[in-house]
Amino acid sequence: MAFLKVFAQGEERTVFLGDDPVMLGRAKECDILLNDLKASREHAVIEPYGDGQWRVRDLGSGNGTKVNGRKVQRQLLEPEDVVQIGDARVLFAAEAAAVVAPAAQERTRRRAQAARK
């Protein structure tokens, strides 16, 4: 099962992904509420795409959505990708990421630390 590690407002939380899209933004209706003026009310969605894949899609936000530092409109997500919305960072992970070689575990740890900043 894929999941997200959300680093926002000085907090860290884990959100497990099911079959439904997950909306991120400032609106109370969002699945991941971002209390950040740099985020639009309905900023982006992380949604299932194809067979077992996930993608992030910007919803016409004013400040844009970045994946690994690059502004995107839509992007397939790979394990360890970091989605940035305003000051919030969201690390995408998959179940398989938990069972990886030590070098990959270290890379994941470094990316999670970078996402916290």
PDB file of N, CA and C in Angstrom:
ATOM      1  N   MET A   1       0.837  -1.179   0.000  1.00  0.00           N
ATOM      2  CA  MET A   1       0.000   0.000   0.000  1.00  0.00           C
ATOM      3  C   MET A   1       0.884   1.245   0.000  1.00  0.00           C
ATOM      4  N   ALA A   2       0.562   2.166  -0.854  1.00  0.00           N
ATOM      5  CA  ALA A   2       1.307   3.419  -0.938  1.00  0.00           C
ATOM      6  C   ALA A   2       0.876   4.338   0.200  1.00  0.00           C
ATOM      7  N   PHE A   3       1.790   5.221   0.584  1.00  0.00           N
ATOM      8  CA  PHE A   3       1.464   6.190   1.625  1.00  0.00           C
ATOM      9  C   PHE A   3       2.252   7.469   1.415  1.00  0.00           C
ATOM     10  N   LEU A   4       1.818   8.504   2.130  1.00  0.00           N
ATOM     11  CA  LEU A   4       2.463   9.805   2.079  1.00  0.00           C
ATOM     12  C   LEU A   4       2.969  10.159   3.462  1.00  0.00           C
ATOM     13  N   LYS A   5       4.148  10.764   3.521  1.00  0.00           N
ATOM     14  CA  LYS A   5       4.653  11.369   4.755  1.00  0.00           C
ATOM     15  C   LYS A   5       4.530  12.865   4.534  1.00  0.00           C
ATOM     16  N   VAL A   6       3.677  13.509   5.305  1.00  0.00           N
ATOM     17  CA  VAL A   6       3.394  14.929   5.141  1.00  0.00           C
ATOM     18  C   VAL A   6       4.165  15.708   6.197  1.00  0.00           C
ATOM     19  N   PHE A   7       4.956  16.678   5.741  1.00  0.00           N
ATOM     20  CA  PHE A   7       5.722  17.557   6.624  1.00  0.00           C
ATOM     21  C   PHE A   7       5.192  18.965   6.410  1.00  0.00           C
ATOM     22  N   ALA A   8       4.392  19.448   7.374  1.00  0.00           N
ATOM     23  CA  ALA A   8       3.767  20.761   7.227  1.00  0.00           C
ATOM     24  C   ALA A   8       3.499  21.358   8.600  1.00  0.00           C
ATOM     25  N   GLN A   9       3.623  22.682   8.687  1.00  0.00           N
ATOM     26  CA  GLN A   9       3.368  23.408   9.917  1.00  0.00           C
ATOM     27  C   GLN A   9       4.132  22.818  11.112  1.00  0.00           C
ATOM     28  N   GLY A  10       5.355  22.378  10.878  1.00  0.00           N
ATOM     29  CA  GLY A  10       6.188  21.826  11.940  1.00  0.00           C
ATOM     30  C   GLY A  10       5.771  20.456  12.431  1.00  0.00           C
ATOM     31  N   GLU A  11       4.862  19.810  11.739  1.00  0.00           N
ATOM     32  CA  GLU A  11       4.393  18.481  12.122  1.00  0.00           C
ATOM     33  C   GLU A  11       4.689  17.471  11.026  1.00  0.00           C
ATOM     34  N   GLU A  12       4.710  16.217  11.415  1.00  0.00           N
ATOM     35  CA  GLU A  12       4.886  15.112  10.474  1.00  0.00           C
ATOM     36  C   GLU A  12       3.733  14.143  10.683  1.00  0.00           C
ATOM     37  N   ARG A  13       3.127  13.709   9.590  1.00  0.00           N
ATOM     38  CA  ARG A  13       2.055  12.721   9.698  1.00  0.00           C
ATOM     39  C   ARG A  13       2.098  11.785   8.499  1.00  0.00           C
ATOM     40  N   THR A  14       1.513  10.623   8.671  1.00  0.00           N
ATOM     41  CA  THR A  14       1.464   9.627   7.617  1.00  0.00           C
ATOM     42  C   THR A  14       0.023   9.485   7.148  1.00  0.00           C
ATOM     43  N   VAL A  15      -0.162   9.474   5.824  1.00  0.00           N
ATOM     44  CA  VAL A  15      -1.480   9.297   5.230  1.00  0.00           C
ATOM     45  C   VAL A  15      -1.393   8.101   4.288  1.00  0.00           C
ATOM     46  N   PHE A  16      -2.170   7.062   4.567  1.00  0.00           N
ATOM     47  CA  PHE A  16      -2.175   5.879   3.714  1.00  0.00           C
ATOM     48  C   PHE A  16      -3.126   6.101   2.551  1.00  0.00           C
ATOM     49  N   LEU A  17      -2.706   5.675   1.373  1.00  0.00           N
ATOM     50  CA  LEU A  17      -3.494   5.856   0.157  1.00  0.00           C
ATOM     51  C   LEU A  17      -4.315   4.602  -0.109  1.00  0.00           C
ATOM     52  N   GLY A  18      -5.590   4.796  -0.379  1.00  0.00           N
ATOM     53  CA  GLY A  18      -6.488   3.682  -0.702  1.00  0.00           C
ATOM     54  C   GLY A  18      -6.789   3.683  -2.185  1.00  0.00           C
ATOM     55  N   ASP A  19      -8.079   3.640  -2.515  1.00  0.00           N
ATOM     56  CA  ASP A  19      -8.503   3.627  -3.916  1.00  0.00           C
ATOM     57  C   ASP A  19      -8.904   5.005  -4.423  1.00  0.00           C
ATOM     58  N   ASP A  20      -9.057   5.957  -3.518  1.00  0.00           N
ATOM     59  CA  ASP A  20      -9.591   7.261  -3.881  1.00  0.00           C
ATOM     60  C   ASP A  20      -8.509   8.327  -3.972  1.00  0.00           C
ATOM     61  N   PRO A  21      -8.748   9.348  -4.783  1.00  0.00           N
ATOM     62  CA  PRO A  21      -7.822  10.485  -4.837  1.00  0.00           C
ATOM     63  C   PRO A  21      -7.761  11.198  -3.487  1.00  0.00           C
ATOM     64  N   VAL A  22      -6.641  11.870  -3.247  1.00  0.00           N
ATOM     65  CA  VAL A  22      -6.434  12.638  -2.018  1.00  0.00           C
ATOM     66  C   VAL A  22      -6.184  14.085  -2.429  1.00  0.00           C
ATOM     67  N   MET A  23      -7.067  14.997  -1.985  1.00  0.00           N
ATOM     68  CA  MET A  23      -6.914  16.410  -2.334  1.00  0.00           C
ATOM     69  C   MET A  23      -6.132  17.134  -1.243  1.00  0.00           C
ATOM     70  N   LEU A  24      -5.220  18.021  -1.689  1.00  0.00           N
ATOM     71  CA  LEU A  24      -4.408  18.820  -0.778  1.00  0.00           C
ATOM     72  C   LEU A  24      -4.707  20.297  -0.991  1.00  0.00           C
ATOM     73  N   GLY A  25      -4.820  21.049   0.083  1.00  0.00           N
ATOM     74  CA  GLY A  25      -5.057  22.477  -0.031  1.00  0.00           C
ATOM     75  C   GLY A  25      -5.536  23.076   1.274  1.00  0.00           C
ATOM     76  N   ARG A  26      -5.970  24.343   1.204  1.00  0.00           N
ATOM     77  CA  ARG A  26      -6.406  25.072   2.398  1.00  0.00           C
ATOM     78  C   ARG A  26      -7.885  24.888   2.730  1.00  0.00           C
ATOM     79  N   ALA A  27      -8.679  24.407   1.789  1.00  0.00           N
ATOM     80  CA  ALA A  27     -10.124  24.250   2.020  1.00  0.00           C
ATOM     81  C   ALA A  27     -10.392  23.147   3.047  1.00  0.00           C
ATOM     82  N   LYS A  28     -11.401  23.372   3.865  1.00  0.00           N
ATOM     83  CA  LYS A  28     -11.765  22.379   4.891  1.00  0.00           C
ATOM     84  C   LYS A  28     -12.138  21.035   4.275  1.00  0.00           C
ATOM     85  N   GLU A  29     -12.571  21.049   3.022  1.00  0.00           N
ATOM     86  CA  GLU A  29     -12.989  19.820   2.349  1.00  0.00           C
ATOM     87  C   GLU A  29     -11.805  18.958   1.890  1.00  0.00           C
ATOM     88  N   CYS A  30     -10.605  19.501   1.939  1.00  0.00           N
ATOM     89  CA  CYS A  30      -9.429  18.753   1.476  1.00  0.00           C
ATOM     90  C   CYS A  30      -9.115  17.599   2.413  1.00  0.00           C
ATOM     91  N   ASP A  31      -8.586  16.534   1.848  1.00  0.00           N
ATOM     92  CA  ASP A  31      -8.190  15.370   2.647  1.00  0.00           C
ATOM     93  C   ASP A  31      -6.943  15.679   3.468  1.00  0.00           C
ATOM     94  N   ILE A  32      -6.032  16.459   2.881  1.00  0.00           N
ATOM     95  CA  ILE A  32      -4.839  16.903   3.605  1.00  0.00           C
ATOM     96  C   ILE A  32      -4.909  18.421   3.651  1.00  0.00           C
ATOM     97  N   LEU A  33      -5.256  18.927   4.823  1.00  0.00           N
ATOM     98  CA  LEU A  33      -5.443  20.353   5.021  1.00  0.00           C
ATOM     99  C   LEU A  33      -4.090  21.015   5.254  1.00  0.00           C
ATOM    100  N   LEU A  34      -3.787  22.014   4.438  1.00  0.00           N
ATOM    101  CA  LEU A  34      -2.526  22.746   4.539  1.00  0.00           C
ATOM    102  C   LEU A  34      -2.824  24.172   4.976  1.00  0.00           C
ATOM    103  N   ASN A  35      -2.440  24.495   6.182  1.00  0.00           N
ATOM    104  CA  ASN A  35      -2.651  25.842   6.712  1.00  0.00           C
ATOM    105  C   ASN A  35      -1.480  26.717   6.273  1.00  0.00           C
ATOM    106  N   ASP A  36      -1.476  27.059   4.987  1.00  0.00           N
ATOM    107  CA  ASP A  36      -0.348  27.762   4.368  1.00  0.00           C
ATOM    108  C   ASP A  36      -0.914  28.689   3.297  1.00  0.00           C
ATOM    109  N   LEU A  37      -0.668  29.987   3.435  1.00  0.00           N
ATOM    110  CA  LEU A  37      -1.195  30.951   2.468  1.00  0.00           C
ATOM    111  C   LEU A  37      -0.597  30.771   1.074  1.00  0.00           C
ATOM    112  N   LYS A  38       0.506  30.040   0.954  1.00  0.00           N
ATOM    113  CA  LYS A  38       1.096  29.762  -0.356  1.00  0.00           C
ATOM    114  C   LYS A  38       0.363  28.635  -1.087  1.00  0.00           C
ATOM    115  N   ALA A  39      -0.507  27.933  -0.361  1.00  0.00           N
ATOM    116  CA  ALA A  39      -1.300  26.854  -0.952  1.00  0.00           C
ATOM    117  C   ALA A  39      -2.664  27.401  -1.349  1.00  0.00           C
ATOM    118  N   SER A  40      -3.168  26.954  -2.488  1.00  0.00           N
ATOM    119  CA  SER A  40      -4.516  27.330  -2.920  1.00  0.00           C
ATOM    120  C   SER A  40      -5.539  26.537  -2.115  1.00  0.00           C
ATOM    121  N   ARG A  41      -6.787  26.982  -2.173  1.00  0.00           N
ATOM    122  CA  ARG A  41      -7.833  26.271  -1.424  1.00  0.00           C
ATOM    123  C   ARG A  41      -7.910  24.803  -1.859  1.00  0.00           C
ATOM    124  N   GLU A  42      -7.961  24.563  -3.145  1.00  0.00           N
ATOM    125  CA  GLU A  42      -7.881  23.208  -3.694  1.00  0.00           C
ATOM    126  C   GLU A  42      -6.661  23.205  -4.606  1.00  0.00           C
ATOM    127  N   HIS A  43      -5.516  22.860  -4.061  1.00  0.00           N
ATOM    128  CA  HIS A  43      -4.233  23.070  -4.724  1.00  0.00           C
ATOM    129  C   HIS A  43      -3.856  21.940  -5.685  1.00  0.00           C
ATOM    130  N   ALA A  44      -3.899  20.715  -5.188  1.00  0.00           N
ATOM    131  CA  ALA A  44      -3.457  19.567  -5.996  1.00  0.00           C
ATOM    132  C   ALA A  44      -4.156  18.306  -5.512  1.00  0.00           C
ATOM    133  N   VAL A  45      -4.091  17.283  -6.344  1.00  0.00           N
ATOM    134  CA  VAL A  45      -4.650  15.989  -5.976  1.00  0.00           C
ATOM    135  C   VAL A  45      -3.599  14.921  -6.277  1.00  0.00           C
ATOM    136  N   ILE A  46      -3.517  13.944  -5.388  1.00  0.00           N
ATOM    137  CA  ILE A  46      -2.703  12.752  -5.627  1.00  0.00           C
ATOM    138  C   ILE A  46      -3.708  11.638  -5.875  1.00  0.00           C
ATOM    139  N   GLU A  47      -3.614  11.033  -7.072  1.00  0.00           N
ATOM    140  CA  GLU A  47      -4.677  10.135  -7.502  1.00  0.00           C
ATOM    141  C   GLU A  47      -4.117   8.858  -8.117  1.00  0.00           C
ATOM    142  N   PRO A  48      -4.909   7.762  -8.014  1.00  0.00           N
ATOM    143  CA  PRO A  48      -4.499   6.535  -8.686  1.00  0.00           C
ATOM    144  C   PRO A  48      -4.445   6.784 -10.189  1.00  0.00           C
ATOM    145  N   TYR A  49      -3.475   6.152 -10.836  1.00  0.00           N
ATOM    146  CA  TYR A  49      -3.325   6.344 -12.271  1.00  0.00           C
ATOM    147  C   TYR A  49      -2.787   5.050 -12.864  1.00  0.00           C
ATOM    148  N   GLY A  50      -3.611   4.370 -13.600  1.00  0.00           N
ATOM    149  CA  GLY A  50      -3.172   3.108 -14.204  1.00  0.00           C
ATOM    150  C   GLY A  50      -3.126   1.997 -13.179  1.00  0.00           C
ATOM    151  N   ASP A  51      -2.344   1.006 -13.466  1.00  0.00           N
ATOM    152  CA  ASP A  51      -2.260  -0.191 -12.637  1.00  0.00           C
ATOM    153  C   ASP A  51      -1.258  -0.009 -11.497  1.00  0.00           C
ATOM    154  N   GLY A  52      -1.743   0.375 -10.340  1.00  0.00           N
ATOM    155  CA  GLY A  52      -0.893   0.493  -9.166  1.00  0.00           C
ATOM    156  C   GLY A  52      -0.024   1.730  -9.122  1.00  0.00           C
ATOM    157  N   GLN A  53      -0.207   2.647 -10.061  1.00  0.00           N
ATOM    158  CA  GLN A  53       0.593   3.864 -10.067  1.00  0.00           C
ATOM    159  C   GLN A  53      -0.206   5.018  -9.466  1.00  0.00           C
ATOM    160  N   TRP A  54       0.514   6.062  -9.092  1.00  0.00           N
ATOM    161  CA  TRP A  54      -0.087   7.280  -8.549  1.00  0.00           C
ATOM    162  C   TRP A  54       0.515   8.466  -9.261  1.00  0.00           C
ATOM    163  N   ARG A  55      -0.272   9.524  -9.371  1.00  0.00           N
ATOM    164  CA  ARG A  55       0.260  10.754  -9.937  1.00  0.00           C
ATOM    165  C   ARG A  55      -0.243  11.939  -9.119  1.00  0.00           C
ATOM    166  N   VAL A  56       0.514  13.024  -9.208  1.00  0.00           N
ATOM    167  CA  VAL A  56       0.083  14.291  -8.623  1.00  0.00           C
ATOM    168  C   VAL A  56      -0.386  15.159  -9.783  1.00  0.00           C
ATOM    169  N   ARG A  57      -1.469  15.904  -9.539  1.00  0.00           N
ATOM    170  CA  ARG A  57      -2.009  16.789 -10.570  1.00  0.00           C
ATOM    171  C   ARG A  57      -2.334  18.125  -9.925  1.00  0.00           C
ATOM    172  N   ASP A  58      -1.738  19.194 -10.448  1.00  0.00           N
ATOM    173  CA  ASP A  58      -2.016  20.533  -9.970  1.00  0.00           C
ATOM    174  C   ASP A  58      -3.416  20.932 -10.424  1.00  0.00           C
ATOM    175  N   LEU A  59      -4.156  21.601  -9.557  1.00  0.00           N
ATOM    176  CA  LEU A  59      -5.537  21.970  -9.859  1.00  0.00           C
ATOM    177  C   LEU A  59      -5.660  23.443 -10.239  1.00  0.00           C
ATOM    178  N   GLY A  60      -4.654  23.962 -10.944  1.00  0.00           N
ATOM    179  CA  GLY A  60      -4.682  25.357 -11.369  1.00  0.00           C
ATOM    180  C   GLY A  60      -4.293  26.314 -10.257  1.00  0.00           C
ATOM    181  N   SER A  61      -3.440  25.860  -9.375  1.00  0.00           N
ATOM    182  CA  SER A  61      -3.033  26.673  -8.227  1.00  0.00           C
ATOM    183  C   SER A  61      -2.271  27.918  -8.664  1.00  0.00           C
ATOM    184  N   GLY A  62      -2.278  28.922  -7.801  1.00  0.00           N
ATOM    185  CA  GLY A  62      -1.562  30.155  -8.096  1.00  0.00           C
ATOM    186  C   GLY A  62      -0.054  30.009  -8.018  1.00  0.00           C
ATOM    187  N   ASN A  63       0.443  29.229  -7.059  1.00  0.00           N
ATOM    188  CA  ASN A  63       1.887  29.102  -6.841  1.00  0.00           C
ATOM    189  C   ASN A  63       2.494  27.826  -7.415  1.00  0.00           C
ATOM    190  N   GLY A  64       1.679  26.948  -7.927  1.00  0.00           N
ATOM    191  CA  GLY A  64       2.194  25.741  -8.563  1.00  0.00           C
ATOM    192  C   GLY A  64       2.528  24.623  -7.594  1.00  0.00           C
ATOM    193  N   THR A  65       2.805  23.481  -8.178  1.00  0.00           N
ATOM    194  CA  THR A  65       3.164  22.266  -7.464  1.00  0.00           C
ATOM    195  C   THR A  65       4.498  21.791  -8.010  1.00  0.00           C
ATOM    196  N   LYS A  66       5.393  21.390  -7.115  1.00  0.00           N
ATOM    197  CA  LYS A  66       6.707  20.903  -7.530  1.00  0.00           C
ATOM    198  C   LYS A  66       6.880  19.447  -7.133  1.00  0.00           C
ATOM    199  N   VAL A  67       7.604  18.713  -7.974  1.00  0.00           N
ATOM    200  CA  VAL A  67       8.027  17.349  -7.654  1.00  0.00           C
ATOM    201  C   VAL A  67       9.542  17.337  -7.759  1.00  0.00           C
ATOM    202  N   ASN A  68      10.187  17.012  -6.656  1.00  0.00           N
ATOM    203  CA  ASN A  68      11.651  16.992  -6.585  1.00  0.00           C
ATOM    204  C   ASN A  68      12.248  18.320  -7.078  1.00  0.00           C
ATOM    205  N   GLY A  69      11.580  19.426  -6.713  1.00  0.00           N
ATOM    206  CA  GLY A  69      12.087  20.750  -7.033  1.00  0.00           C
ATOM    207  C   GLY A  69      11.703  21.291  -8.395  1.00  0.00           C
ATOM    208  N   ARG A  70      11.002  20.503  -9.202  1.00  0.00           N
ATOM    209  CA  ARG A  70      10.621  20.928 -10.555  1.00  0.00           C
ATOM    210  C   ARG A  70       9.112  21.160 -10.629  1.00  0.00           C
ATOM    211  N   LYS A  71       8.719  22.328 -11.124  1.00  0.00           N
ATOM    212  CA  LYS A  71       7.298  22.665 -11.235  1.00  0.00           C
ATOM    213  C   LYS A  71       6.635  21.755 -12.269  1.00  0.00           C
ATOM    214  N   VAL A  72       5.466  21.197 -11.905  1.00  0.00           N
ATOM    215  CA  VAL A  72       4.756  20.269 -12.792  1.00  0.00           C
ATOM    216  C   VAL A  72       3.263  20.593 -12.823  1.00  0.00           C
ATOM    217  N   GLN A  73       2.617  20.200 -13.903  1.00  0.00           N
ATOM    218  CA  GLN A  73       1.156  20.244 -13.984  1.00  0.00           C
ATOM    219  C   GLN A  73       0.579  18.896 -13.550  1.00  0.00           C
ATOM    220  N   ARG A  74       1.246  17.834 -13.993  1.00  0.00           N
ATOM    221  CA  ARG A  74       0.904  16.473 -13.582  1.00  0.00           C
ATOM    222  C   ARG A  74       2.165  15.637 -13.712  1.00  0.00           C
ATOM    223  N   GLN A  75       2.294  14.664 -12.829  1.00  0.00           N
ATOM    224  CA  GLN A  75       3.530  13.879 -12.811  1.00  0.00           C
ATOM    225  C   GLN A  75       3.259  12.533 -12.159  1.00  0.00           C
ATOM    226  N   LEU A  76       3.674  11.451 -12.822  1.00  0.00           N
ATOM    227  CA  LEU A  76       3.630  10.141 -12.178  1.00  0.00           C
ATOM    228  C   LEU A  76       4.611  10.165 -11.018  1.00  0.00           C
ATOM    229  N   LEU A  77       4.231   9.532  -9.912  1.00  0.00           N
ATOM    230  CA  LEU A  77       5.082   9.536  -8.732  1.00  0.00           C
ATOM    231  C   LEU A  77       5.829   8.220  -8.603  1.00  0.00           C
ATOM    232  N   GLU A  78       7.083   8.342  -8.246  1.00  0.00           N
ATOM    233  CA  GLU A  78       7.939   7.197  -7.958  1.00  0.00           C
ATOM    234  C   GLU A  78       8.222   7.198  -6.462  1.00  0.00           C
ATOM    235  N   PRO A  79       8.484   6.025  -5.865  1.00  0.00           N
ATOM    236  CA  PRO A  79       8.841   6.022  -4.448  1.00  0.00           C
ATOM    237  C   PRO A  79       9.981   7.010  -4.174  1.00  0.00           C
ATOM    238  N   GLU A  80       9.841   7.740  -3.095  1.00  0.00           N
ATOM    239  CA  GLU A  80      10.813   8.726  -2.617  1.00  0.00           C
ATOM    240  C   GLU A  80      10.694  10.083  -3.306  1.00  0.00           C
ATOM    241  N   ASP A  81       9.732  10.274  -4.217  1.00  0.00           N
ATOM    242  CA  ASP A  81       9.508  11.597  -4.785  1.00  0.00           C
ATOM    243  C   ASP A  81       8.985  12.525  -3.693  1.00  0.00           C
ATOM    244  N   VAL A  82       9.398  13.796  -3.755  1.00  0.00           N
ATOM    245  CA  VAL A  82       8.935  14.802  -2.806  1.00  0.00           C
ATOM    246  C   VAL A  82       8.089  15.822  -3.558  1.00  0.00           C
ATOM    247  N   VAL A  83       6.831  15.937  -3.151  1.00  0.00           N
ATOM    248  CA  VAL A  83       5.897  16.908  -3.716  1.00  0.00           C
ATOM    249  C   VAL A  83       5.911  18.118  -2.790  1.00  0.00           C
ATOM    250  N   GLN A  84       6.083  19.313  -3.373  1.00  0.00           N
ATOM    251  CA  GLN A  84       6.090  20.530  -2.569  1.00  0.00           C
ATOM    252  C   GLN A  84       4.926  21.417  -2.965  1.00  0.00           C
ATOM    253  N   ILE A  85       4.181  21.821  -1.943  1.00  0.00           N
ATOM    254  CA  ILE A  85       3.064  22.748  -2.103  1.00  0.00           C
ATOM    255  C   ILE A  85       3.268  23.835  -1.063  1.00  0.00           C
ATOM    256  N   GLY A  86       3.592  25.036  -1.517  1.00  0.00           N
ATOM    257  CA  GLY A  86       3.921  26.099  -0.571  1.00  0.00           C
ATOM    258  C   GLY A  86       5.108  25.654   0.269  1.00  0.00           C
ATOM    259  N   ASP A  87       4.969  25.764   1.594  1.00  0.00           N
ATOM    260  CA  ASP A  87       6.040  25.330   2.485  1.00  0.00           C
ATOM    261  C   ASP A  87       5.907  23.860   2.887  1.00  0.00           C
ATOM    262  N   ALA A  88       4.813  23.209   2.500  1.00  0.00           N
ATOM    263  CA  ALA A  88       4.589  21.805   2.850  1.00  0.00           C
ATOM    264  C   ALA A  88       5.340  20.892   1.882  1.00  0.00           C
ATOM    265  N   ARG A  89       5.848  19.806   2.435  1.00  0.00           N
ATOM    266  CA  ARG A  89       6.513  18.790   1.624  1.00  0.00           C
ATOM    267  C   ARG A  89       5.853  17.446   1.905  1.00  0.00           C
ATOM    268  N   VAL A  90       5.650  16.691   0.828  1.00  0.00           N
ATOM    269  CA  VAL A  90       4.964  15.404   0.919  1.00  0.00           C
ATOM    270  C   VAL A  90       5.852  14.355   0.261  1.00  0.00           C
ATOM    271  N   LEU A  91       6.311  13.405   1.051  1.00  0.00           N
ATOM    272  CA  LEU A  91       7.153  12.317   0.557  1.00  0.00           C
ATOM    273  C   LEU A  91       6.252  11.155   0.162  1.00  0.00           C
ATOM    274  N   PHE A  92       6.332  10.725  -1.110  1.00  0.00           N
ATOM    275  CA  PHE A  92       5.549   9.599  -1.605  1.00  0.00           C
ATOM    276  C   PHE A  92       6.340   8.323  -1.377  1.00  0.00           C
ATOM    277  N   ALA A  93       5.691   7.315  -0.829  1.00  0.00           N
ATOM    278  CA  ALA A  93       6.360   6.036  -0.582  1.00  0.00           C
ATOM    279  C   ALA A  93       5.408   4.904  -0.937  1.00  0.00           C
ATOM    280  N   ALA A  94       5.978   3.748  -1.199  1.00  0.00           N
ATOM    281  CA  ALA A  94       5.191   2.560  -1.504  1.00  0.00           C
ATOM    282  C   ALA A  94       5.601   1.467  -0.534  1.00  0.00           C
ATOM    283  N   GLU A  95       4.744   0.475  -0.382  1.00  0.00           N
ATOM    284  CA  GLU A  95       5.010  -0.618   0.552  1.00  0.00           C
ATOM    285  C   GLU A  95       6.376  -1.244   0.278  1.00  0.00           C
ATOM    286  N   ALA A  96       6.717  -1.388  -0.992  1.00  0.00           N
ATOM    287  CA  ALA A  96       7.989  -2.001  -1.351  1.00  0.00           C
ATOM    288  C   ALA A  96       9.177  -1.184  -0.855  1.00  0.00           C
ATOM    289  N   ALA A  97       8.968   0.107  -0.614  1.00  0.00           N
ATOM    290  CA  ALA A  97      10.061   0.963  -0.151  1.00  0.00           C
ATOM    291  C   ALA A  97      10.534   0.561   1.233  1.00  0.00           C
ATOM    292  N   ALA A  98       9.692  -0.166   1.982  1.00  0.00           N
ATOM    293  CA  ALA A  98      10.075  -0.569   3.330  1.00  0.00           C
ATOM    294  C   ALA A  98      11.043  -1.754   3.311  1.00  0.00           C
ATOM    295  N   VAL A  99      11.115  -2.454   2.193  1.00  0.00           N
ATOM    296  CA  VAL A  99      11.981  -3.622   2.090  1.00  0.00           C
ATOM    297  C   VAL A  99      12.978  -3.365   0.966  1.00  0.00           C
ATOM    298  N   VAL A 100      14.007  -2.578   1.272  1.00  0.00           N
ATOM    299  CA  VAL A 100      14.987  -2.205   0.263  1.00  0.00           C
ATOM    300  C   VAL A 100      16.390  -2.337   0.825  1.00  0.00           C
ATOM    301  N   ALA A 101      17.336  -2.249  -0.049  1.00  0.00           N
ATOM    302  CA  ALA A 101      18.736  -2.352   0.343  1.00  0.00           C
ATOM    303  C   ALA A 101      19.112  -1.191   1.264  1.00  0.00           C
ATOM    304  N   PRO A 102      20.134  -1.382   2.112  1.00  0.00           N
ATOM    305  CA  PRO A 102      20.559  -0.318   3.028  1.00  0.00           C
ATOM    306  C   PRO A 102      20.874   1.007   2.339  1.00  0.00           C
ATOM    307  N   ALA A 103      21.470   0.993   1.161  1.00  0.00           N
ATOM    308  CA  ALA A 103      21.780   2.238   0.470  1.00  0.00           C
ATOM    309  C   ALA A 103      20.496   2.997   0.125  1.00  0.00           C
ATOM    310  N   ALA A 104      19.482   2.271  -0.302  1.00  0.00           N
ATOM    311  CA  ALA A 104      18.210   2.905  -0.621  1.00  0.00           C
ATOM    312  C   ALA A 104      17.531   3.410   0.648  1.00  0.00           C
ATOM    313  N   GLN A 105      17.661   2.679   1.754  1.00  0.00           N
ATOM    314  CA  GLN A 105      17.096   3.141   3.019  1.00  0.00           C
ATOM    315  C   GLN A 105      17.755   4.452   3.443  1.00  0.00           C
ATOM    316  N   GLU A 106      19.052   4.559   3.263  1.00  0.00           N
ATOM    317  CA  GLU A 106      19.767   5.793   3.597  1.00  0.00           C
ATOM    318  C   GLU A 106      19.298   6.935   2.709  1.00  0.00           C
ATOM    319  N   ARG A 107      19.098   6.678   1.429  1.00  0.00           N
ATOM    320  CA  ARG A 107      18.598   7.699   0.505  1.00  0.00           C
ATOM    321  C   ARG A 107      17.204   8.161   0.935  1.00  0.00           C
ATOM    322  N   THR A 108      16.349   7.221   1.336  1.00  0.00           N
ATOM    323  CA  THR A 108      15.014   7.567   1.813  1.00  0.00           C
ATOM    324  C   THR A 108      15.104   8.423   3.064  1.00  0.00           C
ATOM    325  N   ARG A 109      15.997   8.083   3.982  1.00  0.00           N
ATOM    326  CA  ARG A 109      16.171   8.857   5.210  1.00  0.00           C
ATOM    327  C   ARG A 109      16.606  10.275   4.888  1.00  0.00           C
ATOM    328  N   ARG A 110      17.549  10.433   3.955  1.00  0.00           N
ATOM    329  CA  ARG A 110      18.021  11.768   3.572  1.00  0.00           C
ATOM    330  C   ARG A 110      16.904  12.586   2.925  1.00  0.00           C
ATOM    331  N   ARG A 111      16.121  11.951   2.056  1.00  0.00           N
ATOM    332  CA  ARG A 111      15.011  12.679   1.420  1.00  0.00           C
ATOM    333  C   ARG A 111      13.958  13.089   2.440  1.00  0.00           C
ATOM    334  N   ALA A 112      13.679  12.224   3.405  1.00  0.00           N
ATOM    335  CA  ALA A 112      12.716  12.580   4.447  1.00  0.00           C
ATOM    336  C   ALA A 112      13.233  13.754   5.265  1.00  0.00           C
ATOM    337  N   GLN A 113      14.540  13.758   5.564  1.00  0.00           N
ATOM    338  CA  GLN A 113      15.119  14.884   6.293  1.00  0.00           C
ATOM    339  C   GLN A 113      15.018  16.167   5.460  1.00  0.00           C
ATOM    340  N   ALA A 114      15.286  16.082   4.171  1.00  0.00           N
ATOM    341  CA  ALA A 114      15.183  17.245   3.303  1.00  0.00           C
ATOM    342  C   ALA A 114      13.741  17.740   3.217  1.00  0.00           C
ATOM    343  N   ALA A 115      12.795  16.801   3.223  1.00  0.00           N
ATOM    344  CA  ALA A 115      11.382  17.185   3.150  1.00  0.00           C
ATOM    345  C   ALA A 115      10.935  17.914   4.411  1.00  0.00           C
ATOM    346  N   ARG A 116      11.567  17.626   5.547  1.00  0.00           N
ATOM    347  CA  ARG A 116      11.208  18.293   6.801  1.00  0.00           C
ATOM    348  C   ARG A 116      11.622  19.765   6.806  1.00  0.00           C
ATOM    349  N   LYS A 117      12.600  20.131   5.993  1.00  0.00           N
ATOM    350  CA  LYS A 117      13.141  21.504   5.999  1.00  0.00           C
ATOM    351  C   LYS A 117      12.224  22.488   5.336  1.00  0.00           C
TER     352      LYS A 117
END
